[in-house]
Amino acid sequence: MSYSQWVSRIRVPAGFVIAALYLFAAEPQPLTLLLGCAVALLGLALRAAAAGVIEKNARLAISGPYAHTRNPLYLGSATAALGFSLAAGKWWLLALLAGFFATVYVPVMRKEAGRMRELFGEDYAVYSEKVPLLIPRLTPWRPAGTASVAFDWQRYRNNHEYRAATAFVLIILFLIAKMFWLEHS
């Protein structure tokens, strides 16, 4: 089994372990919580925008955020993780989350790029030459003669993105409760 296959399998369970450590170690303060929530909300919005235009494995997504980066869902997750790191008030959590992202999600993105090449052939090859893997290009890329796919709430629901929104709300509520608990203990 290759490293990228192995990390693909362990990324969700490992994410739960890191989330538990995060929730235990977090010491939010009003300013860090406000700033972190704003950044995390940007990540959540990016994930939502991406989930509303992608039809996984059925059509090559090149509209919306996909015109800027090939992996807006992962970029949104990384942005949300940055925000939650800020909200926690523990700077070493940022290093932990950045290390986790680099060692787990970068190989996963590369593995998924291979799958996209298999599914979409030359269309994906052209797309991957024009659109970066993660760090977004400033101007959207659109091949001549293609129509943009509009955001659709049904695609958002079909991609189960509401789970990320639910997790966001639960984490924020936990951090608020923990902040008040720490202030009064």
N, C-alpha and C. Protein backbone atom coordinates (compact mmCIF):
# COMPACT_ATOMS: atom_id res chain seq x y z
N MET A 1 0.85 -1.18 0.00
CA MET A 1 0.00 0.00 0.00
C MET A 1 0.90 1.24 0.00
N SER A 2 0.59 2.18 -0.88
CA SER A 2 1.39 3.41 -0.97
C SER A 2 1.04 4.35 0.18
N TYR A 3 1.91 5.33 0.39
CA TYR A 3 1.68 6.32 1.46
C TYR A 3 0.36 7.05 1.23
N SER A 4 0.10 7.48 -0.01
CA SER A 4 -1.13 8.23 -0.28
C SER A 4 -2.37 7.37 -0.04
N GLN A 5 -2.30 6.08 -0.33
CA GLN A 5 -3.42 5.18 -0.04
C GLN A 5 -3.61 5.04 1.47
N TRP A 6 -2.50 4.90 2.18
CA TRP A 6 -2.56 4.75 3.63
C TRP A 6 -3.16 5.99 4.29
N VAL A 7 -2.68 7.18 3.90
CA VAL A 7 -3.22 8.40 4.52
C VAL A 7 -4.66 8.64 4.12
N SER A 8 -5.04 8.19 2.92
CA SER A 8 -6.46 8.30 2.52
C SER A 8 -7.34 7.52 3.47
N ARG A 9 -6.84 6.38 3.92
CA ARG A 9 -7.62 5.54 4.84
C ARG A 9 -7.66 6.08 6.25
N ILE A 10 -6.57 6.68 6.70
CA ILE A 10 -6.52 7.10 8.11
C ILE A 10 -6.90 8.56 8.33
N ARG A 11 -7.12 9.32 7.27
CA ARG A 11 -7.32 10.77 7.44
C ARG A 11 -8.53 11.10 8.30
N VAL A 12 -9.64 10.41 8.16
CA VAL A 12 -10.82 10.71 8.96
C VAL A 12 -10.62 10.30 10.41
N PRO A 13 -10.20 9.04 10.70
CA PRO A 13 -9.96 8.71 12.12
C PRO A 13 -8.88 9.59 12.77
N ALA A 14 -7.82 9.88 12.03
CA ALA A 14 -6.77 10.75 12.58
C ALA A 14 -7.31 12.15 12.82
N GLY A 15 -8.19 12.60 11.95
CA GLY A 15 -8.82 13.91 12.13
C GLY A 15 -9.64 13.98 13.40
N PHE A 16 -10.33 12.88 13.75
CA PHE A 16 -11.10 12.84 14.99
C PHE A 16 -10.18 12.89 16.22
N VAL A 17 -9.05 12.23 16.15
CA VAL A 17 -8.09 12.27 17.25
C VAL A 17 -7.57 13.70 17.43
N ILE A 18 -7.20 14.34 16.34
CA ILE A 18 -6.71 15.71 16.41
C ILE A 18 -7.81 16.65 16.90
N ALA A 19 -9.05 16.42 16.46
CA ALA A 19 -10.16 17.25 16.93
C ALA A 19 -10.35 17.12 18.44
N ALA A 20 -10.24 15.91 18.95
CA ALA A 20 -10.36 15.71 20.40
C ALA A 20 -9.25 16.44 21.15
N LEU A 21 -8.02 16.33 20.65
CA LEU A 21 -6.90 17.04 21.26
C LEU A 21 -7.14 18.54 21.21
N TYR A 22 -7.62 19.02 20.07
CA TYR A 22 -7.91 20.44 19.89
C TYR A 22 -8.93 20.91 20.92
N LEU A 23 -10.05 20.20 21.04
CA LEU A 23 -11.10 20.62 21.95
C LEU A 23 -10.62 20.59 23.40
N PHE A 24 -9.78 19.64 23.73
CA PHE A 24 -9.24 19.56 25.09
C PHE A 24 -8.28 20.73 25.36
N ALA A 25 -7.41 21.05 24.40
CA ALA A 25 -6.37 22.05 24.62
C ALA A 25 -6.84 23.49 24.42
N ALA A 26 -7.92 23.70 23.69
CA ALA A 26 -8.37 25.06 23.36
C ALA A 26 -8.61 25.90 24.61
N GLU A 27 -8.13 27.13 24.54
CA GLU A 27 -8.37 28.12 25.59
C GLU A 27 -8.79 29.43 24.93
N PRO A 28 -10.00 29.46 24.37
CA PRO A 28 -10.42 30.65 23.62
C PRO A 28 -10.62 31.86 24.51
N GLN A 29 -10.32 33.02 23.95
CA GLN A 29 -10.57 34.31 24.56
C GLN A 29 -11.51 35.06 23.62
N PRO A 30 -12.18 36.09 24.07
CA PRO A 30 -13.14 36.78 23.18
C PRO A 30 -12.53 37.22 21.84
N LEU A 31 -11.35 37.82 21.87
CA LEU A 31 -10.74 38.32 20.63
C LEU A 31 -10.31 37.17 19.73
N THR A 32 -9.66 36.15 20.30
CA THR A 32 -9.22 35.03 19.46
C THR A 32 -10.42 34.28 18.90
N LEU A 33 -11.47 34.16 19.68
CA LEU A 33 -12.67 33.48 19.23
C LEU A 33 -13.33 34.24 18.08
N LEU A 34 -13.44 35.53 18.22
CA LEU A 34 -14.06 36.35 17.17
C LEU A 34 -13.24 36.30 15.87
N LEU A 35 -11.95 36.52 15.99
CA LEU A 35 -11.09 36.48 14.81
C LEU A 35 -11.08 35.09 14.18
N GLY A 36 -10.93 34.07 15.00
CA GLY A 36 -10.89 32.70 14.49
C GLY A 36 -12.20 32.29 13.83
N CYS A 37 -13.31 32.67 14.42
CA CYS A 37 -14.61 32.33 13.82
C CYS A 37 -14.78 32.99 12.46
N ALA A 38 -14.32 34.23 12.33
CA ALA A 38 -14.43 34.93 11.04
C ALA A 38 -13.62 34.20 9.97
N VAL A 39 -12.40 33.79 10.30
CA VAL A 39 -11.56 33.08 9.34
C VAL A 39 -12.16 31.71 9.03
N ALA A 40 -12.61 30.99 10.05
CA ALA A 40 -13.21 29.67 9.85
C ALA A 40 -14.48 29.78 8.99
N LEU A 41 -15.24 30.84 9.18
CA LEU A 41 -16.44 31.05 8.38
C LEU A 41 -16.10 31.25 6.90
N LEU A 42 -14.99 31.92 6.62
CA LEU A 42 -14.54 32.06 5.23
C LEU A 42 -14.24 30.68 4.63
N GLY A 43 -13.58 29.83 5.40
CA GLY A 43 -13.30 28.48 4.94
C GLY A 43 -14.57 27.69 4.69
N LEU A 44 -15.53 27.82 5.59
CA LEU A 44 -16.80 27.13 5.44
C LEU A 44 -17.54 27.64 4.20
N ALA A 45 -17.50 28.94 3.96
CA ALA A 45 -18.16 29.52 2.77
C ALA A 45 -17.51 29.00 1.49
N LEU A 46 -16.19 28.88 1.48
CA LEU A 46 -15.50 28.35 0.31
C LEU A 46 -15.91 26.90 0.06
N ARG A 47 -15.97 26.11 1.12
CA ARG A 47 -16.41 24.72 0.98
C ARG A 47 -17.84 24.67 0.43
N ALA A 48 -18.71 25.50 0.94
CA ALA A 48 -20.10 25.52 0.48
C ALA A 48 -20.18 25.88 -1.00
N ALA A 49 -19.44 26.92 -1.40
CA ALA A 49 -19.45 27.33 -2.81
C ALA A 49 -18.96 26.21 -3.72
N ALA A 50 -17.96 25.48 -3.28
CA ALA A 50 -17.42 24.37 -4.07
C ALA A 50 -18.42 23.21 -4.13
N ALA A 51 -19.03 22.90 -2.99
CA ALA A 51 -19.97 21.77 -2.94
C ALA A 51 -21.20 22.02 -3.79
N GLY A 52 -21.54 23.27 -4.01
CA GLY A 52 -22.72 23.60 -4.81
C GLY A 52 -22.51 23.55 -6.31
N VAL A 53 -21.27 23.33 -6.76
CA VAL A 53 -21.02 23.26 -8.21
C VAL A 53 -20.44 21.92 -8.66
N ILE A 54 -20.01 21.10 -7.74
CA ILE A 54 -19.34 19.84 -8.12
C ILE A 54 -20.35 18.69 -8.17
N GLU A 55 -20.18 17.88 -9.21
CA GLU A 55 -20.88 16.60 -9.31
C GLU A 55 -19.78 15.55 -9.36
N LYS A 56 -19.41 15.06 -8.20
CA LYS A 56 -18.22 14.21 -8.05
C LYS A 56 -18.25 13.01 -9.01
N ASN A 57 -17.15 12.86 -9.73
CA ASN A 57 -16.90 11.76 -10.65
C ASN A 57 -17.84 11.72 -11.86
N ALA A 58 -18.72 12.70 -12.00
CA ALA A 58 -19.66 12.73 -13.13
C ALA A 58 -19.28 13.77 -14.16
N ARG A 59 -18.72 14.89 -13.68
CA ARG A 59 -18.38 16.00 -14.56
C ARG A 59 -17.18 16.71 -13.97
N LEU A 60 -16.26 17.14 -14.83
CA LEU A 60 -15.09 17.87 -14.35
C LEU A 60 -15.55 19.24 -13.88
N ALA A 61 -15.33 19.53 -12.61
CA ALA A 61 -15.74 20.82 -12.03
C ALA A 61 -14.69 21.87 -12.38
N ILE A 62 -15.12 22.91 -13.12
CA ILE A 62 -14.22 24.01 -13.47
C ILE A 62 -14.88 25.36 -13.22
N SER A 63 -16.06 25.35 -12.60
CA SER A 63 -16.80 26.58 -12.33
C SER A 63 -16.64 26.99 -10.88
N GLY A 64 -17.06 28.20 -10.60
CA GLY A 64 -17.01 28.70 -9.22
C GLY A 64 -15.59 28.64 -8.69
N PRO A 65 -15.41 28.16 -7.47
CA PRO A 65 -14.06 28.09 -6.89
C PRO A 65 -13.11 27.20 -7.68
N TYR A 66 -13.65 26.24 -8.41
CA TYR A 66 -12.81 25.32 -9.20
C TYR A 66 -12.15 26.02 -10.38
N ALA A 67 -12.56 27.22 -10.70
CA ALA A 67 -11.89 28.00 -11.75
C ALA A 67 -10.63 28.68 -11.19
N HIS A 68 -10.46 28.63 -9.87
CA HIS A 68 -9.31 29.26 -9.20
C HIS A 68 -8.33 28.24 -8.63
N THR A 69 -8.85 27.13 -8.12
CA THR A 69 -8.03 26.08 -7.52
C THR A 69 -8.69 24.73 -7.78
N ARG A 70 -7.86 23.71 -7.97
CA ARG A 70 -8.42 22.38 -8.22
C ARG A 70 -8.98 21.75 -6.95
N ASN A 71 -8.67 22.30 -5.80
CA ASN A 71 -9.08 21.70 -4.54
C ASN A 71 -9.69 22.71 -3.57
N PRO A 72 -10.78 23.36 -3.96
CA PRO A 72 -11.36 24.36 -3.06
C PRO A 72 -11.95 23.76 -1.78
N LEU A 73 -12.37 22.51 -1.83
CA LEU A 73 -12.87 21.89 -0.59
C LEU A 73 -11.75 21.75 0.43
N TYR A 74 -10.58 21.31 -0.01
CA TYR A 74 -9.44 21.19 0.91
C TYR A 74 -8.93 22.56 1.33
N LEU A 75 -8.92 23.51 0.41
CA LEU A 75 -8.50 24.87 0.77
C LEU A 75 -9.47 25.45 1.81
N GLY A 76 -10.75 25.20 1.62
CA GLY A 76 -11.74 25.65 2.61
C GLY A 76 -11.52 24.99 3.95
N SER A 77 -11.21 23.70 3.94
CA SER A 77 -10.92 23.00 5.19
C SER A 77 -9.68 23.56 5.87
N ALA A 78 -8.65 23.83 5.08
CA ALA A 78 -7.42 24.40 5.64
C ALA A 78 -7.68 25.78 6.22
N THR A 79 -8.49 26.58 5.54
CA THR A 79 -8.82 27.92 6.03
C THR A 79 -9.63 27.83 7.32
N ALA A 80 -10.59 26.92 7.36
CA ALA A 80 -11.37 26.71 8.58
C ALA A 80 -10.47 26.25 9.72
N ALA A 81 -9.53 25.34 9.43
CA ALA A 81 -8.59 24.88 10.46
C ALA A 81 -7.74 26.03 10.98
N LEU A 82 -7.31 26.90 10.08
CA LEU A 82 -6.56 28.09 10.50
C LEU A 82 -7.42 28.93 11.44
N GLY A 83 -8.67 29.14 11.06
CA GLY A 83 -9.57 29.92 11.90
C GLY A 83 -9.78 29.29 13.27
N PHE A 84 -10.01 27.99 13.28
CA PHE A 84 -10.21 27.32 14.57
C PHE A 84 -8.93 27.33 15.41
N SER A 85 -7.77 27.29 14.75
CA SER A 85 -6.51 27.40 15.48
C SER A 85 -6.41 28.75 16.16
N LEU A 86 -6.77 29.80 15.43
CA LEU A 86 -6.76 31.15 16.02
C LEU A 86 -7.76 31.24 17.16
N ALA A 87 -8.95 30.67 16.96
CA ALA A 87 -9.99 30.73 17.98
C ALA A 87 -9.57 30.04 19.27
N ALA A 88 -8.79 28.99 19.15
CA ALA A 88 -8.40 28.21 20.32
C ALA A 88 -7.44 28.96 21.23
N GLY A 89 -6.73 29.92 20.66
CA GLY A 89 -5.78 30.68 21.48
C GLY A 89 -4.52 29.93 21.82
N LYS A 90 -4.27 28.83 21.13
CA LYS A 90 -3.06 28.02 21.33
C LYS A 90 -2.33 27.94 20.01
N TRP A 91 -1.23 28.64 19.89
CA TRP A 91 -0.54 28.74 18.60
C TRP A 91 0.09 27.42 18.16
N TRP A 92 0.43 26.53 19.10
CA TRP A 92 1.00 25.25 18.71
C TRP A 92 -0.03 24.38 17.98
N LEU A 93 -1.33 24.66 18.20
CA LEU A 93 -2.35 23.92 17.46
C LEU A 93 -2.30 24.24 15.96
N LEU A 94 -1.93 25.47 15.63
CA LEU A 94 -1.77 25.84 14.23
C LEU A 94 -0.67 24.99 13.59
N ALA A 95 0.44 24.83 14.28
CA ALA A 95 1.53 24.01 13.75
C ALA A 95 1.10 22.55 13.61
N LEU A 96 0.36 22.04 14.60
CA LEU A 96 -0.15 20.67 14.53
C LEU A 96 -1.08 20.49 13.33
N LEU A 97 -2.01 21.42 13.15
CA LEU A 97 -2.96 21.30 12.05
C LEU A 97 -2.27 21.48 10.70
N ALA A 98 -1.31 22.39 10.62
CA ALA A 98 -0.57 22.58 9.36
C ALA A 98 0.24 21.32 9.02
N GLY A 99 0.87 20.72 10.03
CA GLY A 99 1.61 19.48 9.80
C GLY A 99 0.69 18.35 9.35
N PHE A 100 -0.46 18.25 9.99
CA PHE A 100 -1.44 17.23 9.60
C PHE A 100 -1.89 17.44 8.16
N PHE A 101 -2.19 18.67 7.81
CA PHE A 101 -2.64 18.96 6.44
C PHE A 101 -1.55 18.60 5.43
N ALA A 102 -0.31 19.01 5.71
CA ALA A 102 0.78 18.76 4.77
C ALA A 102 1.08 17.28 4.61
N THR A 103 1.03 16.53 5.70
CA THR A 103 1.39 15.11 5.61
C THR A 103 0.24 14.23 5.16
N VAL A 104 -0.99 14.69 5.32
CA VAL A 104 -2.14 13.87 4.95
C VAL A 104 -2.81 14.36 3.67
N TYR A 105 -3.17 15.63 3.62
CA TYR A 105 -4.00 16.09 2.51
C TYR A 105 -3.23 16.38 1.23
N VAL A 106 -1.99 16.79 1.31
CA VAL A 106 -1.23 17.00 0.07
C VAL A 106 -1.08 15.69 -0.70
N PRO A 107 -0.67 14.58 -0.06
CA PRO A 107 -0.63 13.30 -0.80
C PRO A 107 -2.01 12.86 -1.30
N VAL A 108 -3.05 13.11 -0.51
CA VAL A 108 -4.40 12.74 -0.94
C VAL A 108 -4.79 13.54 -2.19
N MET A 109 -4.46 14.83 -2.21
CA MET A 109 -4.78 15.64 -3.39
C MET A 109 -4.06 15.11 -4.63
N ARG A 110 -2.83 14.72 -4.47
CA ARG A 110 -2.07 14.16 -5.60
C ARG A 110 -2.67 12.85 -6.07
N LYS A 111 -3.08 12.01 -5.13
CA LYS A 111 -3.73 10.74 -5.48
C LYS A 111 -5.03 11.01 -6.23
N GLU A 112 -5.81 11.95 -5.74
CA GLU A 112 -7.07 12.29 -6.39
C GLU A 112 -6.84 12.88 -7.78
N ALA A 113 -5.74 13.60 -7.97
CA ALA A 113 -5.41 14.13 -9.30
C ALA A 113 -5.23 12.98 -10.29
N GLY A 114 -4.61 11.89 -9.86
CA GLY A 114 -4.46 10.72 -10.72
C GLY A 114 -5.81 10.14 -11.10
N ARG A 115 -6.71 10.10 -10.15
CA ARG A 115 -8.07 9.60 -10.41
C ARG A 115 -8.79 10.51 -11.40
N MET A 116 -8.62 11.81 -11.27
CA MET A 116 -9.25 12.75 -12.20
C MET A 116 -8.69 12.57 -13.62
N ARG A 117 -7.40 12.29 -13.71
CA ARG A 117 -6.80 12.03 -15.03
C ARG A 117 -7.44 10.80 -15.67
N GLU A 118 -7.68 9.78 -14.86
CA GLU A 118 -8.32 8.58 -15.37
C GLU A 118 -9.75 8.86 -15.84
N LEU A 119 -10.48 9.64 -15.07
CA LEU A 119 -11.88 9.91 -15.38
C LEU A 119 -12.06 10.88 -16.54
N PHE A 120 -11.23 11.93 -16.59
CA PHE A 120 -11.50 13.04 -17.50
C PHE A 120 -10.40 13.28 -18.53
N GLY A 121 -9.37 12.45 -18.54
CA GLY A 121 -8.36 12.45 -19.58
C GLY A 121 -7.76 13.80 -19.92
N GLU A 122 -7.80 14.13 -21.20
CA GLU A 122 -7.17 15.35 -21.71
C GLU A 122 -7.81 16.61 -21.13
N ASP A 123 -9.11 16.59 -20.87
CA ASP A 123 -9.76 17.76 -20.26
C ASP A 123 -9.12 18.08 -18.91
N TYR A 124 -8.87 17.04 -18.12
CA TYR A 124 -8.23 17.27 -16.82
C TYR A 124 -6.77 17.69 -17.00
N ALA A 125 -6.08 17.13 -17.97
CA ALA A 125 -4.68 17.50 -18.21
C ALA A 125 -4.58 19.00 -18.51
N VAL A 126 -5.46 19.51 -19.36
CA VAL A 126 -5.45 20.94 -19.68
C VAL A 126 -5.81 21.75 -18.44
N TYR A 127 -6.84 21.33 -17.75
CA TYR A 127 -7.28 22.02 -16.53
C TYR A 127 -6.15 22.08 -15.50
N SER A 128 -5.47 20.96 -15.28
CA SER A 128 -4.41 20.93 -14.27
C SER A 128 -3.20 21.77 -14.66
N GLU A 129 -3.01 22.02 -15.95
CA GLU A 129 -1.94 22.93 -16.37
C GLU A 129 -2.28 24.38 -16.09
N LYS A 130 -3.56 24.71 -16.10
CA LYS A 130 -4.01 26.10 -15.97
C LYS A 130 -4.41 26.49 -14.55
N VAL A 131 -4.84 25.51 -13.76
CA VAL A 131 -5.37 25.81 -12.43
C VAL A 131 -4.50 25.11 -11.38
N PRO A 132 -4.01 25.87 -10.39
CA PRO A 132 -3.12 25.28 -9.38
C PRO A 132 -3.80 24.23 -8.49
N LEU A 133 -2.98 23.35 -7.93
CA LEU A 133 -3.45 22.28 -7.06
C LEU A 133 -4.20 22.83 -5.84
N LEU A 134 -3.65 23.85 -5.18
CA LEU A 134 -4.27 24.33 -3.95
C LEU A 134 -4.32 25.86 -3.85
N ILE A 135 -3.17 26.51 -3.97
CA ILE A 135 -3.13 27.97 -3.83
C ILE A 135 -3.85 28.58 -5.03
N PRO A 136 -4.90 29.35 -4.81
CA PRO A 136 -5.73 29.80 -5.93
C PRO A 136 -5.05 30.83 -6.84
N ARG A 137 -5.41 30.75 -8.10
CA ARG A 137 -5.02 31.80 -9.05
C ARG A 137 -5.99 32.96 -8.84
N LEU A 138 -5.54 34.18 -9.12
CA LEU A 138 -6.37 35.35 -8.85
C LEU A 138 -7.53 35.48 -9.83
N THR A 139 -7.28 35.17 -11.09
CA THR A 139 -8.35 35.27 -12.09
C THR A 139 -8.88 33.87 -12.40
N PRO A 140 -10.17 33.75 -12.62
CA PRO A 140 -10.71 32.43 -12.92
C PRO A 140 -10.28 31.95 -14.30
N TRP A 141 -10.08 30.64 -14.41
CA TRP A 141 -9.75 30.04 -15.70
C TRP A 141 -11.01 29.43 -16.27
N ARG A 142 -11.25 29.71 -17.53
CA ARG A 142 -12.39 29.12 -18.20
C ARG A 142 -12.01 28.82 -19.64
N PRO A 143 -12.11 27.56 -20.04
CA PRO A 143 -11.79 27.26 -21.43
C PRO A 143 -12.83 27.87 -22.36
N ALA A 144 -12.39 28.24 -23.55
CA ALA A 144 -13.29 28.85 -24.52
C ALA A 144 -14.45 27.91 -24.83
N GLY A 145 -15.62 28.49 -24.92
CA GLY A 145 -16.80 27.73 -25.32
C GLY A 145 -17.45 26.92 -24.22
N THR A 146 -17.05 27.11 -22.97
CA THR A 146 -17.69 26.37 -21.88
C THR A 146 -18.56 27.31 -21.07
N ALA A 147 -19.67 26.81 -20.63
CA ALA A 147 -20.58 27.59 -19.80
C ALA A 147 -20.26 27.35 -18.33
N SER A 148 -20.48 28.35 -17.55
CA SER A 148 -20.27 28.23 -16.11
C SER A 148 -21.43 27.47 -15.49
N VAL A 149 -21.14 26.64 -14.52
CA VAL A 149 -22.18 25.91 -13.79
C VAL A 149 -22.52 26.73 -12.55
N ALA A 150 -23.79 27.02 -12.39
CA ALA A 150 -24.24 27.84 -11.26
C ALA A 150 -24.33 26.99 -9.99
N PHE A 151 -24.17 27.66 -8.87
CA PHE A 151 -24.35 27.01 -7.57
C PHE A 151 -25.77 26.46 -7.49
N ASP A 152 -25.88 25.26 -6.92
CA ASP A 152 -27.18 24.62 -6.77
C ASP A 152 -27.28 24.03 -5.37
N TRP A 153 -28.33 24.40 -4.63
CA TRP A 153 -28.49 23.90 -3.27
C TRP A 153 -28.67 22.39 -3.23
N GLN A 154 -29.27 21.84 -4.26
CA GLN A 154 -29.44 20.38 -4.28
C GLN A 154 -28.08 19.68 -4.36
N ARG A 155 -27.16 20.21 -5.18
CA ARG A 155 -25.81 19.63 -5.22
C ARG A 155 -25.14 19.78 -3.86
N TYR A 156 -25.32 20.94 -3.22
CA TYR A 156 -24.77 21.16 -1.87
C TYR A 156 -25.27 20.06 -0.93
N ARG A 157 -26.57 19.80 -0.95
CA ARG A 157 -27.14 18.76 -0.08
C ARG A 157 -26.66 17.37 -0.49
N ASN A 158 -26.63 17.10 -1.79
CA ASN A 158 -26.18 15.79 -2.26
C ASN A 158 -24.74 15.50 -1.86
N ASN A 159 -23.92 16.54 -1.77
CA ASN A 159 -22.52 16.39 -1.36
C ASN A 159 -22.37 16.42 0.16
N HIS A 160 -23.48 16.46 0.89
CA HIS A 160 -23.50 16.39 2.35
C HIS A 160 -22.67 17.50 3.01
N GLU A 161 -22.62 18.65 2.36
CA GLU A 161 -21.81 19.74 2.91
C GLU A 161 -22.43 20.32 4.18
N TYR A 162 -23.70 20.11 4.38
CA TYR A 162 -24.35 20.55 5.60
C TYR A 162 -23.66 19.96 6.84
N ARG A 163 -22.96 18.84 6.66
CA ARG A 163 -22.23 18.24 7.78
C ARG A 163 -21.11 19.17 8.24
N ALA A 164 -20.42 19.81 7.29
CA ALA A 164 -19.36 20.76 7.66
C ALA A 164 -19.96 21.95 8.37
N ALA A 165 -21.11 22.43 7.91
CA ALA A 165 -21.77 23.56 8.57
C ALA A 165 -22.21 23.19 9.99
N THR A 166 -22.71 21.98 10.15
CA THR A 166 -23.11 21.51 11.48
C THR A 166 -21.90 21.41 12.40
N ALA A 167 -20.81 20.85 11.89
CA ALA A 167 -19.58 20.75 12.69
C ALA A 167 -19.08 22.14 13.09
N PHE A 168 -19.13 23.08 12.15
CA PHE A 168 -18.72 24.46 12.44
C PHE A 168 -19.52 25.01 13.62
N VAL A 169 -20.82 24.89 13.56
CA VAL A 169 -21.68 25.42 14.63
C VAL A 169 -21.38 24.73 15.95
N LEU A 170 -21.22 23.41 15.94
CA LEU A 170 -20.94 22.68 17.18
C LEU A 170 -19.59 23.08 17.78
N ILE A 171 -18.58 23.25 16.94
CA ILE A 171 -17.26 23.66 17.44
C ILE A 171 -17.34 25.05 18.05
N ILE A 172 -18.02 25.97 17.38
CA ILE A 172 -18.15 27.33 17.90
C ILE A 172 -18.89 27.32 19.23
N LEU A 173 -19.98 26.58 19.30
CA LEU A 173 -20.72 26.51 20.56
C LEU A 173 -19.86 25.92 21.68
N PHE A 174 -19.09 24.88 21.36
CA PHE A 174 -18.19 24.29 22.35
C PHE A 174 -17.16 25.33 22.81
N LEU A 175 -16.56 26.06 21.85
CA LEU A 175 -15.55 27.06 22.21
C LEU A 175 -16.14 28.18 23.06
N ILE A 176 -17.34 28.61 22.75
CA ILE A 176 -17.99 29.65 23.55
C ILE A 176 -18.23 29.13 24.97
N ALA A 177 -18.76 27.91 25.07
CA ALA A 177 -19.00 27.33 26.39
C ALA A 177 -17.69 27.17 27.16
N LYS A 178 -16.64 26.72 26.47
CA LYS A 178 -15.36 26.53 27.15
C LYS A 178 -14.77 27.88 27.59
N MET A 179 -14.96 28.90 26.77
CA MET A 179 -14.46 30.24 27.13
C MET A 179 -15.14 30.71 28.42
N PHE A 180 -16.45 30.57 28.51
CA PHE A 180 -17.16 30.98 29.72
C PHE A 180 -16.78 30.11 30.90
N TRP A 181 -16.61 28.82 30.69
CA TRP A 181 -16.20 27.92 31.76
C TRP A 181 -14.83 28.32 32.30
N LEU A 182 -13.87 28.61 31.38
CA LEU A 182 -12.53 29.00 31.80
C LEU A 182 -12.53 30.32 32.56
N GLU A 183 -13.40 31.25 32.15
CA GLU A 183 -13.50 32.54 32.83
C GLU A 183 -14.05 32.41 34.24
N HIS A 184 -14.89 31.42 34.45
CA HIS A 184 -15.58 31.30 35.74
C HIS A 184 -15.05 30.14 36.59
N SER A 185 -13.92 29.58 36.21
CA SER A 185 -13.39 28.48 37.03
C SER A 185 -12.19 28.92 37.82
